[in-house]
Structures are given as structure tokens and as C-alpha cells.
Amino acid sequence: MTHPVRFRADARRDMLQATRWLKDIAADQARRFTDDAHTTAEALGAFPEAHPVLRGDARRVALGVFKYHLWYTIEDGTVWIVAVVHQSRGPDYLKRRIGKTQK
């Protein structure tokens, strides 16, 4: 069974910010990043529990190409992406996201 995958508003903003930053460097990299993130998110729908719970009820998966993580929760059968975070960011960045129930 495939679970629906949705991006919370903060995660959509993260994607937009990263895409804009990459587009300033090279437009093709921005497209590759978006594809990488969406491919990774779609795979979560098939196996959402494949990654361990790391913080609160949140799990993390690395993108295939770029040094970003998708942080997500599983709520009522839906996978919610709560943050799209570069691997260099410290843990304080996530404190306000994990456990937040905004949609």
C-alpha cells in the first residue's frame, strides 16, 4: 500500500528557498534538486517506516544526490514532510519544526 506524501508549509518554503539558491548558481542544479527531493519523497510513500524515528516522532531520509535531508512524520497513514534541511545545519534549526502540527 502506498501512503500519500504531503509537504507542510514550512517544508514547501524550505524547498523554494533551496531551489532559488541553487538556481542562482546553476539553473540545471535547481531542477535536479527538485527532482531529487520529489523522487525521495515519493519513495517514502511506499516504505515510510524504513527510516528510524530520530527526534520526537520525526524520521529523516537523505536525498539521493544533494546534501539535504527530508524530515518527516507519519500521521494517520499520511507521510508529512516537515522540513527540507541541508546536512550542514545544526540541530537547533529543527527544534521548532519537530512536533509542530501546522498544515
Protein backbone atom coordinates (compact mmCIF):
# COMPACT_ATOMS: atom_id res chain seq x y z
CA MET A 1 0.00 0.00 0.00
CA THR A 2 1.34 3.40 -0.95
CA HIS A 3 0.81 6.21 1.53
CA PRO A 4 0.10 9.76 0.39
CA VAL A 5 3.02 12.16 0.83
CA ARG A 6 2.41 15.83 1.59
CA PHE A 7 4.69 18.79 2.30
CA ARG A 8 3.88 21.05 5.25
CA ALA A 9 4.00 24.79 4.53
CA ASP A 10 7.42 25.19 6.22
CA ALA A 11 8.86 22.35 4.13
CA ARG A 12 7.50 23.92 0.94
CA ARG A 13 9.24 27.16 1.94
CA ASP A 14 12.46 25.22 2.56
CA MET A 15 12.21 23.72 -0.95
CA LEU A 16 11.58 27.10 -2.51
CA GLN A 17 14.50 28.70 -0.67
CA ALA A 18 16.92 25.92 -1.63
CA THR A 19 15.72 25.92 -5.23
CA ARG A 20 16.17 29.70 -5.52
CA TRP A 21 19.67 29.47 -4.04
CA LEU A 22 20.66 26.69 -6.45
CA LYS A 23 19.08 28.49 -9.41
CA ASP A 24 21.36 31.45 -8.73
CA ILE A 25 24.32 29.09 -9.04
CA ALA A 26 23.07 26.98 -11.96
CA ALA A 27 19.52 26.53 -13.23
CA ASP A 28 20.09 22.88 -14.08
CA GLN A 29 21.10 22.19 -10.46
CA ALA A 30 17.82 23.66 -9.22
CA ARG A 31 15.87 21.29 -11.48
CA ARG A 32 17.99 18.33 -10.38
CA PHE A 33 17.43 19.24 -6.71
CA THR A 34 13.66 19.45 -7.16
CA ASP A 35 13.63 16.11 -8.98
CA ASP A 36 15.82 14.53 -6.29
CA ALA A 37 13.57 15.78 -3.48
CA HIS A 38 10.36 14.66 -5.16
CA THR A 39 11.77 11.24 -6.08
CA THR A 40 12.88 10.72 -2.47
CA ALA A 41 9.51 11.89 -1.13
CA GLU A 42 7.61 9.54 -3.47
CA ALA A 43 9.72 6.60 -2.30
CA LEU A 44 8.69 7.39 1.29
CA GLY A 45 5.10 6.71 0.31
CA ALA A 46 5.97 3.09 -0.37
CA PHE A 47 8.10 2.47 2.73
CA PRO A 48 7.53 5.27 5.26
CA GLU A 49 8.76 3.23 8.23
CA ALA A 50 12.05 2.27 6.57
CA HIS A 51 13.85 5.03 8.47
CA PRO A 52 14.11 5.13 12.27
CA VAL A 53 12.44 7.70 14.50
CA LEU A 54 15.19 10.14 15.47
CA ARG A 55 13.59 13.11 17.20
CA GLY A 56 10.11 13.28 18.69
CA ASP A 57 8.07 11.34 16.17
CA ALA A 58 10.16 12.51 13.19
CA ARG A 59 12.26 10.46 10.82
CA ARG A 60 14.94 11.52 8.36
CA VAL A 61 15.95 10.42 4.88
CA ALA A 62 18.85 11.74 2.81
CA LEU A 63 18.29 12.87 -0.76
CA GLY A 64 19.99 10.70 -3.34
CA VAL A 65 22.21 13.37 -4.90
CA PHE A 66 22.15 16.58 -2.87
CA LYS A 67 23.32 17.02 0.73
CA TYR A 68 19.84 17.62 2.10
CA HIS A 69 17.56 15.62 4.36
CA LEU A 70 13.81 15.32 4.31
CA TRP A 71 12.46 15.20 7.86
CA TYR A 72 9.02 13.64 8.06
CA THR A 73 6.33 12.22 10.27
CA ILE A 74 3.65 9.61 9.64
CA GLU A 75 0.20 10.73 10.72
CA ASP A 76 -2.99 8.76 10.08
CA GLY A 77 -1.43 6.96 7.13
CA THR A 78 -0.07 10.13 5.50
CA VAL A 79 3.63 10.96 5.25
CA TRP A 80 4.13 14.63 6.14
CA ILE A 81 7.42 16.25 5.10
CA VAL A 82 8.05 18.78 7.90
CA ALA A 83 11.46 20.12 6.83
CA VAL A 84 13.93 20.08 3.95
CA VAL A 85 17.30 20.70 5.60
CA HIS A 86 20.86 20.96 4.33
CA GLN A 87 23.09 18.49 6.16
CA SER A 88 25.31 21.31 7.43
CA ARG A 89 22.50 22.84 9.53
CA GLY A 90 22.72 22.33 13.26
CA PRO A 91 20.04 20.56 15.31
CA ASP A 92 18.62 23.83 16.66
CA TYR A 93 17.12 24.51 13.24
CA LEU A 94 14.70 21.62 13.70
CA LYS A 95 13.56 22.35 17.24
CA ARG A 96 10.64 24.50 16.14
CA ARG A 97 9.58 22.02 13.43
CA ILE A 98 9.51 18.67 15.14
CA GLY A 99 6.18 18.06 16.80
CA LYS A 100 4.57 21.06 15.06
CA THR A 101 1.15 20.20 13.69
CA GLN A 102 0.57 23.08 11.28
CA LYS A 103 -0.67 22.02 7.83
